[in-house]
N, C-alpha and C. Protein backbone atom coordinates (compact mmCIF):
# COMPACT_ATOMS: atom_id res chain seq x y z
N MET A 1 6.50 7.05 -3.59
CA MET A 1 5.72 6.28 -3.04
C MET A 1 4.72 7.16 -2.08
N ILE A 2 3.50 6.46 -2.04
CA ILE A 2 2.43 7.58 -1.36
C ILE A 2 2.63 7.19 0.38
N THR A 3 2.41 7.97 1.12
CA THR A 3 2.30 7.74 2.45
C THR A 3 1.03 7.39 2.99
N LEU A 4 1.13 6.87 4.18
CA LEU A 4 -0.07 6.36 4.64
C LEU A 4 -1.24 7.28 5.09
N THR A 5 -0.40 8.58 5.35
CA THR A 5 -1.11 9.65 5.94
C THR A 5 -1.84 10.39 4.65
N VAL A 6 -1.03 10.16 3.47
CA VAL A 6 -1.93 10.57 2.48
C VAL A 6 -3.14 10.06 1.84
N LEU A 7 -2.82 8.66 1.94
CA LEU A 7 -3.83 7.75 1.42
C LEU A 7 -5.02 8.00 2.09
N ARG A 8 -4.97 8.16 3.74
CA ARG A 8 -5.99 8.22 4.28
C ARG A 8 -6.76 9.65 3.98
N VAL A 9 -6.00 10.83 3.90
CA VAL A 9 -6.59 11.72 3.49
C VAL A 9 -7.43 12.02 2.31
N TYR A 10 -6.96 11.29 1.49
CA TYR A 10 -7.78 11.09 -0.11
C TYR A 10 -8.79 10.19 0.08
N ALA A 11 -8.56 9.26 0.74
CA ALA A 11 -9.53 8.35 0.66
C ALA A 11 -10.94 8.80 1.44
N ASN A 12 -10.57 9.72 2.60
CA ASN A 12 -11.54 10.52 3.45
C ASN A 12 -12.25 11.47 2.46
N LYS A 13 -11.41 12.12 1.42
CA LYS A 13 -11.85 12.88 0.75
C LYS A 13 -12.98 12.43 -0.25
N LEU A 14 -12.52 11.13 -0.92
CA LEU A 14 -13.29 10.25 -1.92
C LEU A 14 -14.70 9.73 -1.02
N GLY A 15 -14.76 9.94 0.43
CA GLY A 15 -16.10 9.53 0.90
C GLY A 15 -16.04 8.15 1.32
N PHE A 16 -14.62 7.64 1.28
CA PHE A 16 -14.35 6.15 2.30
C PHE A 16 -14.76 6.48 3.48
N ASN A 17 -15.45 5.40 4.24
CA ASN A 17 -15.84 5.68 5.83
C ASN A 17 -14.58 4.95 6.43
N THR A 18 -14.62 5.13 7.58
CA THR A 18 -13.46 4.78 8.45
C THR A 18 -12.70 3.49 8.15
N SER A 19 -13.88 2.40 8.29
CA SER A 19 -13.48 0.89 8.02
C SER A 19 -12.91 0.73 6.71
N GLU A 20 -13.49 1.46 5.86
CA GLU A 20 -13.14 1.34 4.48
C GLU A 20 -11.63 1.75 4.18
N THR A 21 -11.28 2.86 4.72
CA THR A 21 -10.00 3.62 4.89
C THR A 21 -8.87 2.57 5.48
N ASP A 22 -9.45 2.22 6.69
CA ASP A 22 -8.53 1.32 7.35
C ASP A 22 -7.95 0.25 6.47
N ASN A 23 -9.26 -0.47 5.94
CA ASN A 23 -8.89 -1.62 4.96
C ASN A 23 -7.90 -1.21 3.83
N LEU A 24 -8.09 -0.15 3.45
CA LEU A 24 -7.27 0.41 2.39
C LEU A 24 -6.05 0.41 2.56
N VAL A 25 -5.75 0.96 4.04
CA VAL A 25 -4.57 0.93 4.22
C VAL A 25 -3.59 0.02 4.80
N ASN A 26 -4.67 -1.03 5.09
CA ASN A 26 -3.89 -2.22 5.58
C ASN A 26 -3.67 -3.16 4.27
N LEU A 27 -4.38 -3.19 3.44
CA LEU A 27 -4.04 -3.68 1.78
C LEU A 27 -2.75 -3.00 1.44
N TYR A 28 -2.74 -1.66 1.60
CA TYR A 28 -1.43 -0.83 0.96
C TYR A 28 -0.06 -1.40 1.70
N LYS A 29 -0.35 -1.49 3.24
CA LYS A 29 1.01 -2.01 3.84
C LYS A 29 1.19 -3.23 3.44
N LYS A 30 0.58 -4.53 3.10
CA LYS A 30 0.28 -5.57 2.59
C LYS A 30 1.11 -5.44 1.29
N TYR A 31 0.56 -4.67 0.63
CA TYR A 31 1.00 -4.45 -1.01
C TYR A 31 2.64 -4.22 -0.80
N LEU A 32 2.94 -3.28 0.03
CA LEU A 32 4.25 -2.59 0.18
C LEU A 32 5.13 -3.89 0.61
N SER A 33 4.80 -4.41 1.88
CA SER A 33 5.85 -5.45 2.28
C SER A 33 5.82 -6.64 0.99
N LEU A 34 4.98 -7.12 0.41
CA LEU A 34 4.88 -7.93 -0.74
C LEU A 34 6.07 -7.52 -1.98
N THR A 35 5.79 -6.28 -1.91
CA THR A 35 6.73 -5.90 -3.03
C THR A 35 7.93 -5.74 -2.55
N ASP A 36 8.47 -5.49 -1.29
CA ASP A 36 9.52 -5.41 -0.62
C ASP A 36 10.41 -6.85 -0.69
N TYR A 37 9.45 -7.89 -0.23
CA TYR A 37 9.85 -9.25 -0.31
C TYR A 37 10.36 -9.77 -1.51
N ILE A 38 9.54 -9.34 -2.73
CA ILE A 38 9.90 -9.62 -4.13
C ILE A 38 11.14 -9.19 -4.35
N GLN A 39 11.29 -7.75 -4.19
CA GLN A 39 12.76 -7.22 -4.41
C GLN A 39 13.62 -7.85 -3.86
N LEU A 40 13.61 -8.32 -2.58
CA LEU A 40 14.85 -8.72 -1.96
C LEU A 40 15.20 -10.37 -2.33
N ASN A 41 14.15 -10.91 -2.73
CA ASN A 41 14.03 -12.38 -3.07
C ASN A 41 14.31 -12.81 -4.56
N TYR A 42 13.75 -11.91 -5.16
CA TYR A 42 13.87 -12.46 -6.65
C TYR A 42 14.49 -11.20 -7.50
N ARG A 43 15.69 -10.81 -6.94
CA ARG A 43 16.52 -9.83 -7.92
C ARG A 43 16.98 -10.29 -9.19
N GLY A 44 17.46 -11.75 -9.14
CA GLY A 44 18.11 -12.10 -10.20
C GLY A 44 16.85 -12.88 -11.19
N VAL A 45 15.53 -12.59 -10.63
CA VAL A 45 14.43 -13.11 -11.40
C VAL A 45 13.62 -12.13 -12.49
N ILE A 46 13.78 -11.14 -11.64
CA ILE A 46 12.74 -10.20 -12.37
C ILE A 46 13.41 -8.78 -12.20
N ASP A 47 13.26 -8.30 -13.78
CA ASP A 47 14.28 -7.09 -14.34
C ASP A 47 13.56 -5.88 -13.51
N ASN A 48 14.07 -5.09 -12.78
CA ASN A 48 13.21 -3.96 -12.02
C ASN A 48 13.66 -2.63 -12.98
């Protein structure tokens, strides 16, 4: 898993501005919480 700090560092290296980086980090946090939710609630449905 990518840490949020690593994500920020590389986004800055790629030339993302601060608000773009913040948006990216927030999207990644939402993605992680979504995948956690799916794994907790649909273990029987999805083969991991």
